[in-house]
PDB file of N, CA and C in Angstrom:
ATOM      1  N   MET A   1     -50.955  -7.781 127.015  1.00  0.00           N
ATOM      2  CA  MET A   1     -49.653  -7.095 127.913  1.00  0.00           C
ATOM      3  C   MET A   1     -48.812  -6.043 127.208  1.00  0.00           C
ATOM      4  N   GLN A   2     -48.482  -5.412 128.227  1.00  0.00           N
ATOM      5  CA  GLN A   2     -47.401  -4.312 127.567  1.00  0.00           C
ATOM      6  C   GLN A   2     -46.606  -5.166 127.313  1.00  0.00           C
ATOM      7  N   THR A   3     -45.500  -4.629 126.479  1.00  0.00           N
ATOM      8  CA  THR A   3     -43.935  -4.964 126.383  1.00  0.00           C
ATOM      9  C   THR A   3     -43.541  -4.895 127.453  1.00  0.00           C
ATOM     10  N   ARG A   4     -43.452  -4.016 128.351  1.00  0.00           N
ATOM     11  CA  ARG A   4     -42.324  -3.775 129.459  1.00  0.00           C
ATOM     12  C   ARG A   4     -42.655  -4.648 130.601  1.00  0.00           C
ATOM     13  N   ASN A   5     -44.161  -4.831 130.781  1.00  0.00           N
ATOM     14  CA  ASN A   5     -44.773  -5.632 131.355  1.00  0.00           C
ATOM     15  C   ASN A   5     -44.082  -7.109 131.420  1.00  0.00           C
ATOM     16  N   LEU A   6     -44.235  -7.595 130.145  1.00  0.00           N
ATOM     17  CA  LEU A   6     -44.179  -8.437 129.688  1.00  0.00           C
ATOM     18  C   LEU A   6     -41.880  -9.016 129.753  1.00  0.00           C
ATOM     19  N   LEU A   7     -41.388  -7.981 129.373  1.00  0.00           N
ATOM     20  CA  LEU A   7     -39.964  -7.950 129.858  1.00  0.00           C
ATOM     21  C   LEU A   7     -39.496  -8.044 131.395  1.00  0.00           C
ATOM     22  N   GLY A   8     -40.532  -7.440 131.732  1.00  0.00           N
ATOM     23  CA  GLY A   8     -40.714  -7.417 133.317  1.00  0.00           C
ATOM     24  C   GLY A   8     -40.521  -8.592 133.975  1.00  0.00           C
ATOM     25  N   LEU A   9     -41.526  -9.389 133.432  1.00  0.00           N
ATOM     26  CA  LEU A   9     -41.578 -10.707 133.958  1.00  0.00           C
ATOM     27  C   LEU A   9     -40.866 -11.635 133.605  1.00  0.00           C
ATOM     28  N   LEU A  10     -40.087 -11.315 132.406  1.00  0.00           N
ATOM     29  CA  LEU A  10     -39.124 -12.566 131.934  1.00  0.00           C
ATOM     30  C   LEU A  10     -38.172 -11.604 130.811  1.00  0.00           C
ATOM     31  N   PRO A  11     -37.280 -11.280 131.810  1.00  0.00           N
ATOM     32  CA  PRO A  11     -36.428 -10.101 131.418  1.00  0.00           C
ATOM     33  C   PRO A  11     -35.336 -11.182 130.419  1.00  0.00           C
ATOM     34  N   ASP A  12     -35.068 -12.161 130.181  1.00  0.00           N
ATOM     35  CA  ASP A  12     -34.641 -12.659 129.051  1.00  0.00           C
ATOM     36  C   ASP A  12     -35.260 -13.505 128.133  1.00  0.00           C
ATOM     37  N   LEU A  13     -36.374 -12.920 127.853  1.00  0.00           N
ATOM     38  CA  LEU A  13     -37.449 -13.654 126.807  1.00  0.00           C
ATOM     39  C   LEU A  13     -36.842 -13.554 125.222  1.00  0.00           C
ATOM     40  N   ARG A  14     -35.976 -12.830 125.226  1.00  0.00           N
ATOM     41  CA  ARG A  14     -35.410 -12.420 123.870  1.00  0.00           C
ATOM     42  C   ARG A  14     -34.522 -13.861 123.385  1.00  0.00           C
ATOM     43  N   GLU A  15     -33.923 -14.452 124.571  1.00  0.00           N
ATOM     44  CA  GLU A  15     -33.458 -15.677 124.321  1.00  0.00           C
ATOM     45  C   GLU A  15     -33.715 -17.115 124.539  1.00  0.00           C
ATOM     46  N   HIS A  16     -34.996 -17.300 124.812  1.00  0.00           N
ATOM     47  CA  HIS A  16     -35.774 -18.651 124.517  1.00  0.00           C
ATOM     48  C   HIS A  16     -36.482 -18.930 123.434  1.00  0.00           C
ATOM     49  N   ASP A  17     -37.086 -19.632 122.723  1.00  0.00           N
ATOM     50  CA  ASP A  17     -38.364 -20.257 122.260  1.00  0.00           C
ATOM     51  C   ASP A  17     -39.095 -19.807 122.578  1.00  0.00           C
ATOM     52  N   VAL A  18     -40.265 -19.522 121.997  1.00  0.00           N
ATOM     53  CA  VAL A  18     -41.702 -19.645 122.940  1.00  0.00           C
ATOM     54  C   VAL A  18     -42.976 -20.015 122.114  1.00  0.00           C
ATOM     55  N   TYR A  19     -43.775 -20.853 122.720  1.00  0.00           N
ATOM     56  CA  TYR A  19     -44.636 -21.827 122.245  1.00  0.00           C
ATOM     57  C   TYR A  19     -45.867 -21.298 122.298  1.00  0.00           C
ATOM     58  N   LEU A  20     -46.606 -21.302 121.302  1.00  0.00           N
ATOM     59  CA  LEU A  20     -48.279 -20.686 121.337  1.00  0.00           C
ATOM     60  C   LEU A  20     -49.346 -21.434 121.005  1.00  0.00           C
ATOM     61  N   CYS A  21     -50.222 -21.825 121.514  1.00  0.00           N
ATOM     62  CA  CYS A  21     -51.500 -22.419 120.966  1.00  0.00           C
ATOM     63  C   CYS A  21     -52.632 -21.769 121.683  1.00  0.00           C
ATOM     64  N   GLY A  22     -53.607 -21.241 120.489  1.00  0.00           N
ATOM     65  CA  GLY A  22     -54.798 -20.505 120.783  1.00  0.00           C
ATOM     66  C   GLY A  22     -55.654 -20.155 119.823  1.00  0.00           C
ATOM     67  N   PRO A  23     -56.549 -19.648 120.204  1.00  0.00           N
ATOM     68  CA  PRO A  23     -57.849 -19.164 119.228  1.00  0.00           C
ATOM     69  C   PRO A  23     -56.910 -18.080 118.172  1.00  0.00           C
ATOM     70  N   GLN A  24     -57.152 -18.118 117.136  1.00  0.00           N
ATOM     71  CA  GLN A  24     -56.163 -16.870 116.123  1.00  0.00           C
ATOM     72  C   GLN A  24     -55.971 -15.582 116.760  1.00  0.00           C
ATOM     73  N   GLY A  25     -56.898 -14.839 117.397  1.00  0.00           N
ATOM     74  CA  GLY A  25     -57.042 -13.643 117.760  1.00  0.00           C
ATOM     75  C   GLY A  25     -55.989 -13.490 118.785  1.00  0.00           C
ATOM     76  N   MET A  26     -56.086 -14.639 119.701  1.00  0.00           N
ATOM     77  CA  MET A  26     -55.133 -14.437 120.869  1.00  0.00           C
ATOM     78  C   MET A  26     -53.510 -14.963 120.708  1.00  0.00           C
ATOM     79  N   VAL A  27     -53.460 -15.802 119.348  1.00  0.00           N
ATOM     80  CA  VAL A  27     -52.211 -16.134 119.087  1.00  0.00           C
ATOM     81  C   VAL A  27     -51.759 -14.739 118.367  1.00  0.00           C
ATOM     82  N   ARG A  28     -52.114 -14.271 117.472  1.00  0.00           N
ATOM     83  CA  ARG A  28     -52.207 -12.783 117.006  1.00  0.00           C
ATOM     84  C   ARG A  28     -51.388 -11.976 118.020  1.00  0.00           C
ATOM     85  N   THR A  29     -52.677 -11.357 118.860  1.00  0.00           N
ATOM     86  CA  THR A  29     -52.327 -10.584 119.621  1.00  0.00           C
ATOM     87  C   THR A  29     -50.623 -11.182 120.358  1.00  0.00           C
ATOM     88  N   ALA A  30     -50.508 -12.391 120.801  1.00  0.00           N
ATOM     89  CA  ALA A  30     -49.119 -12.628 121.829  1.00  0.00           C
ATOM     90  C   ALA A  30     -48.256 -12.545 120.861  1.00  0.00           C
ATOM     91  N   CYS A  31     -48.087 -12.830 119.384  1.00  0.00           N
ATOM     92  CA  CYS A  31     -47.009 -12.790 118.198  1.00  0.00           C
ATOM     93  C   CYS A  31     -46.760 -11.311 118.325  1.00  0.00           C
ATOM     94  N   GLU A  32     -47.423 -10.333 117.928  1.00  0.00           N
ATOM     95  CA  GLU A  32     -47.584  -9.191 118.176  1.00  0.00           C
ATOM     96  C   GLU A  32     -46.480  -8.388 119.207  1.00  0.00           C
ATOM     97  N   ALA A  33     -46.848  -9.222 120.465  1.00  0.00           N
ATOM     98  CA  ALA A  33     -46.353  -8.630 121.704  1.00  0.00           C
ATOM     99  C   ALA A  33     -44.859  -8.900 121.996  1.00  0.00           C
ATOM    100  N   LEU A  34     -44.474 -10.340 121.407  1.00  0.00           N
ATOM    101  CA  LEU A  34     -43.484 -11.084 121.263  1.00  0.00           C
ATOM    102  C   LEU A  34     -42.450  -9.938 120.578  1.00  0.00           C
ATOM    103  N   ASP A  35     -43.046  -9.687 119.196  1.00  0.00           N
ATOM    104  CA  ASP A  35     -42.242  -8.994 117.903  1.00  0.00           C
ATOM    105  C   ASP A  35     -41.895  -7.843 118.646  1.00  0.00           C
ATOM    106  N   THR A  36     -42.896  -7.370 119.081  1.00  0.00           N
ATOM    107  CA  THR A  36     -42.628  -5.627 119.745  1.00  0.00           C
ATOM    108  C   THR A  36     -41.182  -5.910 120.798  1.00  0.00           C
ATOM    109  N   ALA A  37     -41.281  -6.841 121.838  1.00  0.00           N
ATOM    110  CA  ALA A  37     -40.300  -7.238 123.108  1.00  0.00           C
ATOM    111  C   ALA A  37     -39.011  -7.572 122.342  1.00  0.00           C
ATOM    112  N   GLY A  38     -39.016  -7.740 120.814  1.00  0.00           N
ATOM    113  CA  GLY A  38     -37.526  -7.897 120.579  1.00  0.00           C
ATOM    114  C   GLY A  38     -37.353  -9.376 120.411  1.00  0.00           C
ATOM    115  N   VAL A  39     -38.684 -10.291 120.071  1.00  0.00           N
ATOM    116  CA  VAL A  39     -38.303 -12.004 120.609  1.00  0.00           C
ATOM    117  C   VAL A  39     -38.016 -12.202 118.476  1.00  0.00           C
ATOM    118  N   PRO A  40     -37.192 -12.659 118.326  1.00  0.00           N
ATOM    119  CA  PRO A  40     -36.580 -13.096 116.831  1.00  0.00           C
ATOM    120  C   PRO A  40     -38.090 -13.918 116.294  1.00  0.00           C
ATOM    121  N   ALA A  41     -38.251 -14.076 115.206  1.00  0.00           N
ATOM    122  CA  ALA A  41     -39.461 -14.919 114.821  1.00  0.00           C
ATOM    123  C   ALA A  41     -38.846 -16.192 114.489  1.00  0.00           C
ATOM    124  N   HIS A  42     -37.690 -16.340 114.461  1.00  0.00           N
ATOM    125  CA  HIS A  42     -37.594 -18.374 114.369  1.00  0.00           C
ATOM    126  C   HIS A  42     -37.623 -18.533 116.097  1.00  0.00           C
ATOM    127  N   ARG A  43     -37.840 -17.678 116.686  1.00  0.00           N
ATOM    128  CA  ARG A  43     -37.926 -18.506 118.495  1.00  0.00           C
ATOM    129  C   ARG A  43     -39.778 -18.589 119.171  1.00  0.00           C
ATOM    130  N   ILE A  44     -40.466 -18.181 117.986  1.00  0.00           N
ATOM    131  CA  ILE A  44     -41.844 -17.896 118.021  1.00  0.00           C
ATOM    132  C   ILE A  44     -42.289 -19.062 117.207  1.00  0.00           C
ATOM    133  N   HIS A  45     -42.992 -20.093 118.039  1.00  0.00           N
ATOM    134  CA  HIS A  45     -43.787 -20.815 117.150  1.00  0.00           C
ATOM    135  C   HIS A  45     -45.247 -21.203 117.774  1.00  0.00           C
ATOM    136  N   HIS A  46     -46.156 -21.112 116.740  1.00  0.00           N
ATOM    137  CA  HIS A  46     -47.498 -20.894 117.201  1.00  0.00           C
ATOM    138  C   HIS A  46     -48.250 -21.735 116.325  1.00  0.00           C
ATOM    139  N   GLU A  47     -49.605 -22.231 116.753  1.00  0.00           N
ATOM    140  CA  GLU A  47     -50.454 -22.806 116.234  1.00  0.00           C
ATOM    141  C   GLU A  47     -52.146 -22.420 116.341  1.00  0.00           C
ATOM    142  N   SER A  48     -52.862 -21.975 115.574  1.00  0.00           N
ATOM    143  CA  SER A  48     -53.995 -21.716 116.310  1.00  0.00           C
ATOM    144  C   SER A  48     -55.238 -22.497 115.669  1.00  0.00           C
ATOM    145  N   PHE A  49     -56.107 -22.240 116.735  1.00  0.00           N
ATOM    146  CA  PHE A  49     -57.386 -23.072 116.020  1.00  0.00           C
ATOM    147  C   PHE A  49     -58.380 -22.370 116.390  1.00  0.00           C
ATOM    148  N   GLU A  50     -59.795 -22.509 116.288  1.00  0.00           N
ATOM    149  CA  GLU A  50     -60.944 -22.011 116.243  1.00  0.00           C
ATOM    150  C   GLU A  50     -61.912 -23.133 116.779  1.00  0.00           C
ATOM    151  N   LEU A  51     -62.829 -22.625 117.806  1.00  0.00           N
ATOM    152  CA  LEU A  51     -63.957 -23.457 118.457  1.00  0.00           C
ATOM    153  C   LEU A  51     -65.090 -23.219 117.854  1.00  0.00           C
TER     154      LEU A  51
END
């Protein structure tokens, strides 16, 4: 998802904690998008798994 779309859907995203759980590639891509959107690293919580 493009950063501008992400912030368009959640304009105050930078002010909230984000929790992610999923396959490693999905979590990595989501973390990169959140970082690009300006979400501080301490607000991103994640767990990866593989099937």
